[in-house]
N, C-alpha and C. Protein backbone atom coordinates (compact mmCIF):
# COMPACT_ATOMS: atom_id res chain seq x y z
N MET A 1 -11.01 -43.51 -10.37
CA MET A 1 -11.21 -42.16 -9.88
C MET A 1 -11.87 -42.24 -8.51
N LYS A 2 -11.37 -41.46 -7.59
CA LYS A 2 -11.90 -41.47 -6.22
C LYS A 2 -13.24 -40.74 -6.16
N LYS A 3 -14.17 -41.36 -5.45
CA LYS A 3 -15.47 -40.72 -5.26
C LYS A 3 -15.42 -39.92 -3.97
N TRP A 4 -15.92 -38.72 -4.03
CA TRP A 4 -15.97 -37.85 -2.86
C TRP A 4 -17.23 -38.13 -2.06
N LYS A 5 -17.07 -38.21 -0.77
CA LYS A 5 -18.23 -38.38 0.09
C LYS A 5 -18.98 -37.06 0.16
N ARG A 6 -20.28 -37.15 0.28
CA ARG A 6 -21.10 -35.93 0.36
C ARG A 6 -20.64 -35.02 1.50
N GLU A 7 -20.27 -35.58 2.64
CA GLU A 7 -19.86 -34.78 3.79
C GLU A 7 -18.57 -34.00 3.47
N THR A 8 -17.65 -34.63 2.78
CA THR A 8 -16.41 -33.96 2.40
C THR A 8 -16.71 -32.80 1.47
N ILE A 9 -17.56 -33.02 0.50
CA ILE A 9 -17.93 -31.97 -0.45
C ILE A 9 -18.64 -30.83 0.28
N ARG A 10 -19.54 -31.14 1.18
CA ARG A 10 -20.28 -30.11 1.92
C ARG A 10 -19.33 -29.27 2.75
N ARG A 11 -18.39 -29.91 3.44
CA ARG A 11 -17.43 -29.16 4.26
C ARG A 11 -16.57 -28.26 3.39
N PHE A 12 -16.16 -28.75 2.23
CA PHE A 12 -15.36 -27.95 1.33
C PHE A 12 -16.14 -26.73 0.85
N GLU A 13 -17.39 -26.91 0.49
CA GLU A 13 -18.22 -25.81 -0.01
C GLU A 13 -18.51 -24.78 1.08
N GLU A 14 -18.56 -25.21 2.34
CA GLU A 14 -18.87 -24.30 3.43
C GLU A 14 -17.63 -23.63 4.02
N TRP A 15 -16.46 -24.08 3.63
CA TRP A 15 -15.23 -23.54 4.20
C TRP A 15 -15.08 -22.07 3.85
N GLN A 16 -14.69 -21.30 4.82
CA GLN A 16 -14.42 -19.88 4.63
C GLN A 16 -13.00 -19.59 5.11
N PRO A 17 -12.29 -18.73 4.40
CA PRO A 17 -10.95 -18.40 4.89
C PRO A 17 -11.05 -17.71 6.24
N PRO A 18 -10.04 -17.84 7.06
CA PRO A 18 -10.10 -17.19 8.37
C PRO A 18 -10.21 -15.67 8.21
N LYS A 19 -11.02 -15.08 9.05
CA LYS A 19 -11.20 -13.63 8.99
C LYS A 19 -10.05 -12.96 9.72
N LEU A 20 -9.52 -11.92 9.11
CA LEU A 20 -8.44 -11.17 9.73
C LEU A 20 -9.03 -10.06 10.60
N SER A 21 -8.36 -9.77 11.68
CA SER A 21 -8.80 -8.68 12.54
C SER A 21 -8.49 -7.35 11.86
N LYS A 22 -9.12 -6.29 12.30
CA LYS A 22 -8.85 -4.96 11.75
C LYS A 22 -7.37 -4.61 11.91
N ARG A 23 -6.79 -4.98 13.04
CA ARG A 23 -5.38 -4.71 13.30
C ARG A 23 -4.48 -5.47 12.32
N ASP A 24 -4.83 -6.75 12.04
CA ASP A 24 -4.05 -7.54 11.08
C ASP A 24 -4.11 -6.93 9.68
N ILE A 25 -5.30 -6.46 9.31
CA ILE A 25 -5.47 -5.83 8.00
C ILE A 25 -4.65 -4.55 7.93
N MET A 26 -4.69 -3.75 9.01
CA MET A 26 -3.93 -2.50 9.03
C MET A 26 -2.43 -2.78 8.95
N THR A 27 -1.98 -3.81 9.63
CA THR A 27 -0.56 -4.17 9.58
C THR A 27 -0.16 -4.54 8.16
N LYS A 28 -0.96 -5.35 7.50
CA LYS A 28 -0.68 -5.74 6.11
C LYS A 28 -0.69 -4.52 5.20
N ASP A 29 -1.69 -3.65 5.37
CA ASP A 29 -1.77 -2.45 4.54
C ASP A 29 -0.59 -1.51 4.79
N THR A 30 -0.13 -1.44 6.03
CA THR A 30 1.03 -0.60 6.36
C THR A 30 2.28 -1.13 5.65
N ILE A 31 2.46 -2.43 5.68
CA ILE A 31 3.61 -3.04 4.99
C ILE A 31 3.53 -2.76 3.49
N ASP A 32 2.34 -2.94 2.92
CA ASP A 32 2.15 -2.65 1.49
C ASP A 32 2.45 -1.19 1.18
N PHE A 33 2.01 -0.28 2.06
CA PHE A 33 2.26 1.15 1.89
C PHE A 33 3.75 1.44 1.90
N LEU A 34 4.46 0.88 2.87
CA LEU A 34 5.90 1.11 2.97
C LEU A 34 6.63 0.57 1.73
N GLU A 35 6.22 -0.60 1.28
CA GLU A 35 6.86 -1.21 0.11
C GLU A 35 6.50 -0.50 -1.19
N GLY A 36 5.34 0.12 -1.23
CA GLY A 36 4.91 0.80 -2.45
C GLY A 36 5.30 2.26 -2.50
N TYR A 37 4.82 3.03 -1.54
CA TYR A 37 5.01 4.48 -1.57
C TYR A 37 6.35 4.96 -1.04
N LEU A 38 7.04 4.13 -0.29
CA LEU A 38 8.32 4.57 0.29
C LEU A 38 9.51 3.78 -0.21
N ASP A 39 9.33 3.08 -1.30
CA ASP A 39 10.43 2.38 -1.96
C ASP A 39 10.83 3.20 -3.19
N PRO A 40 12.04 3.73 -3.21
CA PRO A 40 12.45 4.57 -4.35
C PRO A 40 12.35 3.88 -5.71
N ALA A 41 12.33 2.57 -5.73
CA ALA A 41 12.25 1.85 -7.00
C ALA A 41 10.81 1.72 -7.52
N SER A 42 9.82 2.07 -6.69
CA SER A 42 8.42 1.93 -7.10
C SER A 42 8.03 2.99 -8.13
N GLU A 43 7.08 2.62 -8.98
CA GLU A 43 6.55 3.54 -9.98
C GLU A 43 5.03 3.42 -9.99
N TRP A 44 4.37 4.47 -10.44
CA TRP A 44 2.91 4.42 -10.54
C TRP A 44 2.54 3.42 -11.63
N ALA A 45 1.56 2.58 -11.36
CA ALA A 45 1.15 1.55 -12.31
C ALA A 45 0.37 2.16 -13.48
N ILE A 46 -0.37 3.23 -13.21
CA ILE A 46 -1.16 3.88 -14.26
C ILE A 46 -0.98 5.40 -14.13
N GLU A 47 -1.32 6.09 -15.20
CA GLU A 47 -1.27 7.56 -15.18
C GLU A 47 -2.39 8.08 -14.30
N MET A 48 -2.04 9.01 -13.41
CA MET A 48 -3.03 9.63 -12.53
C MET A 48 -2.68 11.10 -12.37
N THR A 49 -3.70 11.88 -12.03
CA THR A 49 -3.46 13.28 -11.73
C THR A 49 -2.84 13.38 -10.34
N PRO A 50 -2.20 14.51 -10.02
CA PRO A 50 -1.68 14.68 -8.67
C PRO A 50 -2.77 14.52 -7.60
N GLN A 51 -3.97 15.00 -7.87
CA GLN A 51 -5.07 14.87 -6.91
C GLN A 51 -5.42 13.40 -6.67
N GLN A 52 -5.45 12.60 -7.72
CA GLN A 52 -5.74 11.17 -7.57
C GLN A 52 -4.67 10.47 -6.76
N LYS A 53 -3.42 10.83 -6.98
CA LYS A 53 -2.31 10.23 -6.23
C LYS A 53 -2.44 10.56 -4.74
N ILE A 54 -2.68 11.83 -4.43
CA ILE A 54 -2.84 12.24 -3.04
C ILE A 54 -4.03 11.54 -2.40
N ASN A 55 -5.12 11.44 -3.13
CA ASN A 55 -6.31 10.76 -2.59
C ASN A 55 -6.00 9.31 -2.23
N MET A 56 -5.24 8.62 -3.09
CA MET A 56 -4.88 7.23 -2.80
C MET A 56 -4.06 7.14 -1.52
N ILE A 57 -3.18 8.10 -1.31
CA ILE A 57 -2.34 8.10 -0.11
C ILE A 57 -3.16 8.41 1.13
N ILE A 58 -3.99 9.45 1.04
CA ILE A 58 -4.76 9.91 2.19
C ILE A 58 -5.73 8.84 2.70
N VAL A 59 -6.37 8.12 1.80
CA VAL A 59 -7.37 7.14 2.23
C VAL A 59 -6.77 5.82 2.68
N SER A 60 -5.45 5.70 2.61
CA SER A 60 -4.80 4.46 3.06
C SER A 60 -5.05 4.25 4.55
N ASP A 61 -5.52 3.06 4.88
CA ASP A 61 -5.79 2.71 6.28
C ASP A 61 -4.55 2.03 6.85
N VAL A 62 -3.58 2.88 7.20
CA VAL A 62 -2.29 2.37 7.67
C VAL A 62 -1.98 2.94 9.05
N ASP A 63 -0.97 2.39 9.68
CA ASP A 63 -0.51 2.92 10.95
C ASP A 63 0.45 4.06 10.63
N TRP A 64 -0.07 5.29 10.72
CA TRP A 64 0.70 6.45 10.31
C TRP A 64 1.91 6.69 11.20
N GLU A 65 1.89 6.22 12.43
CA GLU A 65 3.06 6.36 13.30
C GLU A 65 4.21 5.51 12.77
N VAL A 66 3.90 4.33 12.27
CA VAL A 66 4.93 3.47 11.68
C VAL A 66 5.48 4.12 10.41
N VAL A 67 4.59 4.69 9.60
CA VAL A 67 5.01 5.37 8.37
C VAL A 67 5.91 6.56 8.73
N LYS A 68 5.49 7.34 9.71
CA LYS A 68 6.28 8.50 10.15
C LYS A 68 7.68 8.07 10.60
N LYS A 69 7.75 7.03 11.40
CA LYS A 69 9.04 6.54 11.90
C LYS A 69 9.92 6.06 10.74
N HIS A 70 9.30 5.37 9.81
CA HIS A 70 10.04 4.87 8.64
C HIS A 70 10.63 6.05 7.85
N ILE A 71 9.85 7.09 7.64
CA ILE A 71 10.32 8.27 6.91
C ILE A 71 11.46 8.95 7.67
N GLU A 72 11.29 9.09 8.97
CA GLU A 72 12.34 9.73 9.78
C GLU A 72 13.66 8.96 9.73
N ASP A 73 13.57 7.65 9.59
CA ASP A 73 14.77 6.81 9.56
C ASP A 73 15.40 6.71 8.17
N MET A 74 14.70 7.20 7.16
CA MET A 74 15.22 7.13 5.79
C MET A 74 16.24 8.25 5.54
N PRO A 75 17.27 7.97 4.77
CA PRO A 75 18.13 9.06 4.33
C PRO A 75 17.31 10.02 3.45
N LYS A 76 17.57 11.31 3.60
CA LYS A 76 16.80 12.32 2.87
C LYS A 76 16.85 12.08 1.36
N GLU A 77 18.02 11.77 0.84
CA GLU A 77 18.16 11.56 -0.61
C GLU A 77 17.30 10.39 -1.09
N LYS A 78 17.19 9.37 -0.28
CA LYS A 78 16.36 8.21 -0.65
C LYS A 78 14.88 8.59 -0.63
N PHE A 79 14.47 9.34 0.40
CA PHE A 79 13.07 9.75 0.51
C PHE A 79 12.63 10.60 -0.69
N LEU A 80 13.53 11.43 -1.19
CA LEU A 80 13.19 12.32 -2.31
C LEU A 80 12.93 11.57 -3.62
N HIS A 81 13.12 10.27 -3.62
CA HIS A 81 12.85 9.46 -4.81
C HIS A 81 11.65 8.53 -4.63
N THR A 82 10.91 8.72 -3.54
CA THR A 82 9.76 7.85 -3.28
C THR A 82 8.50 8.39 -3.94
N LEU A 83 7.53 7.51 -4.14
CA LEU A 83 6.25 7.93 -4.70
C LEU A 83 5.52 8.91 -3.78
N LEU A 84 5.68 8.73 -2.48
CA LEU A 84 5.03 9.64 -1.53
C LEU A 84 5.54 11.06 -1.75
N TRP A 85 6.85 11.24 -1.81
CA TRP A 85 7.41 12.58 -2.02
C TRP A 85 6.99 13.13 -3.38
N LYS A 86 7.08 12.32 -4.42
CA LYS A 86 6.72 12.79 -5.76
C LYS A 86 5.26 13.23 -5.82
N ALA A 87 4.37 12.47 -5.19
CA ALA A 87 2.95 12.83 -5.18
C ALA A 87 2.73 14.14 -4.44
N LEU A 88 3.38 14.30 -3.29
CA LEU A 88 3.24 15.55 -2.53
C LEU A 88 3.78 16.73 -3.33
N PHE A 89 4.94 16.56 -3.93
CA PHE A 89 5.55 17.64 -4.71
C PHE A 89 4.64 18.04 -5.87
N GLU A 90 4.15 17.07 -6.63
CA GLU A 90 3.30 17.37 -7.77
C GLU A 90 2.00 18.03 -7.35
N TYR A 91 1.44 17.59 -6.24
CA TYR A 91 0.18 18.15 -5.75
C TYR A 91 0.37 19.60 -5.31
N ILE A 92 1.44 19.87 -4.58
CA ILE A 92 1.67 21.22 -4.05
C ILE A 92 2.13 22.18 -5.14
N SER A 93 3.05 21.73 -5.99
CA SER A 93 3.65 22.62 -6.98
C SER A 93 2.84 22.72 -8.27
N GLY A 94 2.03 21.70 -8.53
CA GLY A 94 1.27 21.69 -9.79
C GLY A 94 2.11 21.25 -10.97
N GLY A 95 3.35 20.82 -10.72
CA GLY A 95 4.21 20.37 -11.80
C GLY A 95 4.73 18.97 -11.53
N GLU A 96 5.35 18.41 -12.53
CA GLU A 96 5.88 17.05 -12.38
C GLU A 96 7.24 17.10 -11.70
N TYR A 97 7.51 16.15 -10.84
CA TYR A 97 8.77 16.09 -10.11
C TYR A 97 9.87 15.61 -11.03
N GLU A 98 10.92 16.42 -11.17
CA GLU A 98 12.05 16.08 -12.02
C GLU A 98 13.27 15.68 -11.22
N GLY A 99 13.21 15.81 -9.91
CA GLY A 99 14.36 15.52 -9.04
C GLY A 99 15.17 16.78 -8.82
N PHE A 100 16.09 16.68 -7.87
CA PHE A 100 16.93 17.83 -7.55
C PHE A 100 18.31 17.66 -8.11
């Protein structure tokens, strides 16, 4: 069995993952938002009230211009099946989205 040198062990214990910049984090969160809330195949992982769904969307630290552009480029029929649309519909109407 190989013996580890104290210096190697110390360096391993002190190692920290590289810190991401705020912009890098926002970019990652924007991609996650697009893949989650704007993918018609996505579903809510847990039961939530319409208010909870809207709160999750509103507090997202994403690049809203990118989200806006993505929505504008989506076919309307596809957008109407996204979690973002369903959350907005349920919040505004007070009822569950059944589709058109």
